[in-house]
């Protein structure tokens, strides 16, 4: 099973158009690389999702959403499979 914080991150990426240019047959590869990237470079984002949005049942803050957007854009520019 995929941890909740990773589900949140990939759903956010998909619903905000970050996978639009990724061919359907490459989405699984993109997703796996994205999880590795987030774990290695931005573990605090996943931790924040768990602590505040899952455990405390709060909405994601604007600051957290902005951090997630920036991390996804950084991933796409530097590490996303093509």
N, C-alpha and C. Protein backbone atom coordinates (compact mmCIF):
# COMPACT_ATOMS: atom_id res chain seq x y z
N UNK A 1 0.82 -1.20 0.00
CA UNK A 1 0.00 0.00 0.00
C UNK A 1 0.86 1.27 0.00
N UNK A 2 0.37 2.29 -0.62
CA UNK A 2 1.07 3.57 -0.71
C UNK A 2 0.69 4.40 0.52
N UNK A 3 1.69 4.93 1.25
CA UNK A 3 1.38 5.76 2.42
C UNK A 3 0.50 6.96 2.04
N UNK A 4 -0.33 7.38 2.98
CA UNK A 4 -1.29 8.45 2.72
C UNK A 4 -0.61 9.72 2.22
N UNK A 5 0.52 10.11 2.81
CA UNK A 5 1.16 11.35 2.39
C UNK A 5 1.60 11.28 0.93
N UNK A 6 2.01 10.10 0.48
CA UNK A 6 2.41 9.95 -0.92
C UNK A 6 1.18 9.97 -1.83
N UNK A 7 0.08 9.39 -1.36
CA UNK A 7 -1.16 9.47 -2.13
C UNK A 7 -1.58 10.92 -2.31
N UNK A 8 -1.48 11.70 -1.23
CA UNK A 8 -1.85 13.12 -1.30
C UNK A 8 -0.96 13.83 -2.32
N UNK A 9 0.35 13.57 -2.26
CA UNK A 9 1.28 14.26 -3.15
C UNK A 9 1.03 13.92 -4.62
N UNK A 10 0.81 12.64 -4.93
CA UNK A 10 0.63 12.26 -6.33
C UNK A 10 -0.73 12.73 -6.86
N UNK A 11 -1.75 12.69 -6.02
CA UNK A 11 -3.06 13.19 -6.44
C UNK A 11 -2.98 14.69 -6.70
N UNK A 12 -2.27 15.40 -5.82
CA UNK A 12 -2.08 16.84 -6.01
C UNK A 12 -1.36 17.10 -7.33
N UNK A 13 -0.30 16.37 -7.58
CA UNK A 13 0.47 16.55 -8.82
C UNK A 13 -0.41 16.28 -10.04
N UNK A 14 -1.17 15.20 -10.00
CA UNK A 14 -2.00 14.83 -11.15
C UNK A 14 -3.13 15.82 -11.38
N UNK A 15 -3.80 16.23 -10.31
CA UNK A 15 -4.96 17.12 -10.49
C UNK A 15 -4.56 18.56 -10.79
N UNK A 16 -3.30 18.87 -10.61
CA UNK A 16 -2.83 20.22 -10.93
C UNK A 16 -2.02 20.27 -12.22
N UNK A 17 -2.12 19.21 -13.02
CA UNK A 17 -1.56 19.24 -14.36
C UNK A 17 -0.09 18.89 -14.50
N UNK A 18 0.56 18.49 -13.41
CA UNK A 18 1.99 18.22 -13.48
C UNK A 18 2.34 16.94 -14.25
N UNK A 19 1.36 16.07 -14.47
CA UNK A 19 1.62 14.86 -15.24
C UNK A 19 1.04 14.93 -16.65
N UNK A 20 0.50 16.06 -17.02
CA UNK A 20 -0.17 16.18 -18.32
C UNK A 20 0.72 15.83 -19.50
N UNK A 21 1.99 16.14 -19.41
CA UNK A 21 2.89 15.87 -20.54
C UNK A 21 3.56 14.50 -20.43
N UNK A 22 3.23 13.74 -19.39
CA UNK A 22 3.82 12.41 -19.20
C UNK A 22 2.95 11.38 -19.91
N UNK A 23 3.53 10.59 -20.82
CA UNK A 23 2.74 9.54 -21.48
C UNK A 23 2.18 8.56 -20.45
N UNK A 24 0.99 8.07 -20.70
CA UNK A 24 0.31 7.19 -19.76
C UNK A 24 1.19 6.00 -19.38
N UNK A 25 1.91 5.43 -20.34
CA UNK A 25 2.74 4.27 -20.04
C UNK A 25 3.98 4.62 -19.21
N UNK A 26 4.22 5.90 -18.97
CA UNK A 26 5.38 6.34 -18.17
C UNK A 26 4.97 6.89 -16.80
N UNK A 27 3.67 6.93 -16.52
CA UNK A 27 3.21 7.51 -15.26
C UNK A 27 3.73 6.73 -14.06
N UNK A 28 3.75 5.41 -14.11
CA UNK A 28 4.26 4.61 -13.00
C UNK A 28 5.72 4.90 -12.72
N UNK A 29 6.51 5.03 -13.76
CA UNK A 29 7.93 5.37 -13.62
C UNK A 29 8.09 6.77 -13.02
N UNK A 30 7.29 7.72 -13.50
CA UNK A 30 7.31 9.09 -12.99
C UNK A 30 6.97 9.09 -11.50
N UNK A 31 5.92 8.37 -11.16
CA UNK A 31 5.46 8.31 -9.77
C UNK A 31 6.54 7.74 -8.85
N UNK A 32 7.16 6.63 -9.24
CA UNK A 32 8.21 6.02 -8.42
C UNK A 32 9.39 6.96 -8.25
N UNK A 33 9.79 7.62 -9.33
CA UNK A 33 10.90 8.58 -9.25
C UNK A 33 10.53 9.77 -8.37
N UNK A 34 9.28 10.22 -8.47
CA UNK A 34 8.80 11.33 -7.65
C UNK A 34 8.85 10.98 -6.17
N UNK A 35 8.40 9.79 -5.80
CA UNK A 35 8.45 9.38 -4.38
C UNK A 35 9.89 9.33 -3.88
N UNK A 36 10.79 8.76 -4.69
CA UNK A 36 12.20 8.71 -4.28
C UNK A 36 12.76 10.12 -4.10
N UNK A 37 12.44 10.99 -5.03
CA UNK A 37 12.91 12.37 -4.97
C UNK A 37 12.39 13.08 -3.72
N UNK A 38 11.11 12.94 -3.46
CA UNK A 38 10.53 13.60 -2.29
C UNK A 38 11.11 13.05 -0.99
N UNK A 39 11.30 11.73 -0.92
CA UNK A 39 11.90 11.13 0.28
C UNK A 39 13.32 11.64 0.50
N UNK A 40 14.08 11.78 -0.57
CA UNK A 40 15.48 12.18 -0.46
C UNK A 40 15.66 13.68 -0.26
N UNK A 41 14.81 14.48 -0.89
CA UNK A 41 15.04 15.92 -0.93
C UNK A 41 14.06 16.77 -0.12
N UNK A 42 12.87 16.25 0.10
CA UNK A 42 11.85 17.03 0.81
C UNK A 42 11.03 16.16 1.76
N UNK A 43 11.68 15.39 2.64
CA UNK A 43 10.91 14.53 3.54
C UNK A 43 10.00 15.32 4.48
N UNK A 44 10.34 16.57 4.73
CA UNK A 44 9.54 17.40 5.64
C UNK A 44 8.13 17.65 5.09
N UNK A 45 7.97 17.63 3.79
CA UNK A 45 6.65 17.86 3.21
C UNK A 45 5.73 16.68 3.53
N UNK A 46 6.21 15.47 3.33
CA UNK A 46 5.42 14.29 3.68
C UNK A 46 5.12 14.25 5.17
N UNK A 47 6.11 14.59 5.99
CA UNK A 47 5.91 14.60 7.45
C UNK A 47 4.85 15.63 7.84
N UNK A 48 4.89 16.78 7.21
CA UNK A 48 3.92 17.84 7.49
C UNK A 48 2.51 17.40 7.09
N UNK A 49 2.39 16.73 5.96
CA UNK A 49 1.08 16.22 5.53
C UNK A 49 0.54 15.26 6.58
N UNK A 50 1.37 14.35 7.06
CA UNK A 50 0.93 13.38 8.06
C UNK A 50 0.56 14.08 9.37
N UNK A 51 1.44 14.92 9.86
CA UNK A 51 1.23 15.55 11.17
C UNK A 51 0.01 16.46 11.21
N UNK A 52 -0.15 17.30 10.22
CA UNK A 52 -1.20 18.32 10.31
C UNK A 52 -2.47 17.97 9.54
N UNK A 53 -2.33 17.33 8.41
CA UNK A 53 -3.50 17.07 7.58
C UNK A 53 -4.14 15.72 7.89
N UNK A 54 -3.33 14.73 8.22
CA UNK A 54 -3.87 13.39 8.47
C UNK A 54 -4.21 13.23 9.95
N UNK A 55 -3.22 13.38 10.82
CA UNK A 55 -3.44 13.17 12.26
C UNK A 55 -4.37 14.21 12.86
N UNK A 56 -4.18 15.48 12.50
CA UNK A 56 -4.99 16.54 13.08
C UNK A 56 -6.22 16.88 12.24
N UNK A 57 -6.32 16.25 11.08
CA UNK A 57 -7.45 16.42 10.16
C UNK A 57 -7.67 17.88 9.74
N UNK A 58 -6.58 18.60 9.58
CA UNK A 58 -6.65 19.98 9.10
C UNK A 58 -6.44 20.01 7.59
N UNK A 59 -6.91 21.06 6.97
CA UNK A 59 -6.61 21.26 5.55
C UNK A 59 -5.13 21.60 5.42
N UNK A 60 -4.59 21.32 4.26
CA UNK A 60 -3.20 21.69 4.01
C UNK A 60 -3.11 23.21 3.97
N UNK A 61 -2.12 23.76 4.65
CA UNK A 61 -1.93 25.21 4.68
C UNK A 61 -1.47 25.71 3.31
N UNK A 62 -1.68 26.98 3.06
CA UNK A 62 -1.20 27.60 1.82
C UNK A 62 0.31 27.43 1.71
N UNK A 63 1.00 27.59 2.84
CA UNK A 63 2.46 27.44 2.85
C UNK A 63 2.87 26.03 2.42
N UNK A 64 2.19 25.02 2.95
CA UNK A 64 2.51 23.64 2.60
C UNK A 64 2.20 23.37 1.13
N UNK A 65 1.09 23.89 0.64
CA UNK A 65 0.76 23.73 -0.78
C UNK A 65 1.82 24.38 -1.66
N UNK A 66 2.28 25.56 -1.26
CA UNK A 66 3.33 26.24 -2.03
C UNK A 66 4.63 25.45 -2.01
N UNK A 67 4.96 24.86 -0.86
CA UNK A 67 6.17 24.03 -0.76
C UNK A 67 6.05 22.81 -1.66
N UNK A 68 4.89 22.18 -1.66
CA UNK A 68 4.67 21.00 -2.50
C UNK A 68 4.76 21.38 -3.98
N UNK A 69 4.14 22.48 -4.37
CA UNK A 69 4.23 22.94 -5.76
C UNK A 69 5.68 23.16 -6.17
N UNK A 70 6.42 23.85 -5.32
CA UNK A 70 7.83 24.15 -5.63
C UNK A 70 8.64 22.86 -5.74
N UNK A 71 8.39 21.90 -4.86
CA UNK A 71 9.12 20.63 -4.90
C UNK A 71 8.79 19.86 -6.17
N UNK A 72 7.53 19.85 -6.57
CA UNK A 72 7.14 19.15 -7.80
C UNK A 72 7.80 19.81 -9.01
N UNK A 73 7.78 21.12 -9.05
CA UNK A 73 8.41 21.84 -10.17
C UNK A 73 9.91 21.60 -10.21
N UNK A 74 10.53 21.55 -9.05
CA UNK A 74 11.97 21.25 -8.96
C UNK A 74 12.23 19.83 -9.46
N UNK A 75 11.39 18.88 -9.06
CA UNK A 75 11.52 17.50 -9.52
C UNK A 75 11.41 17.42 -11.04
N UNK A 76 10.42 18.09 -11.59
CA UNK A 76 10.22 18.06 -13.04
C UNK A 76 11.44 18.63 -13.77
N UNK A 77 12.02 19.69 -13.25
CA UNK A 77 13.18 20.33 -13.89
C UNK A 77 14.46 19.52 -13.75
N UNK A 78 14.60 18.77 -12.66
CA UNK A 78 15.89 18.15 -12.37
C UNK A 78 15.92 16.63 -12.39
N UNK A 79 14.80 15.97 -12.09
CA UNK A 79 14.89 14.53 -11.86
C UNK A 79 13.80 13.70 -12.51
N UNK A 80 12.79 14.31 -13.08
CA UNK A 80 11.69 13.53 -13.66
C UNK A 80 12.16 12.75 -14.88
N UNK A 81 11.73 11.49 -14.99
CA UNK A 81 12.07 10.73 -16.20
C UNK A 81 11.40 11.36 -17.41
N UNK A 82 12.08 11.28 -18.54
CA UNK A 82 11.49 11.88 -19.75
C UNK A 82 10.98 10.82 -20.69
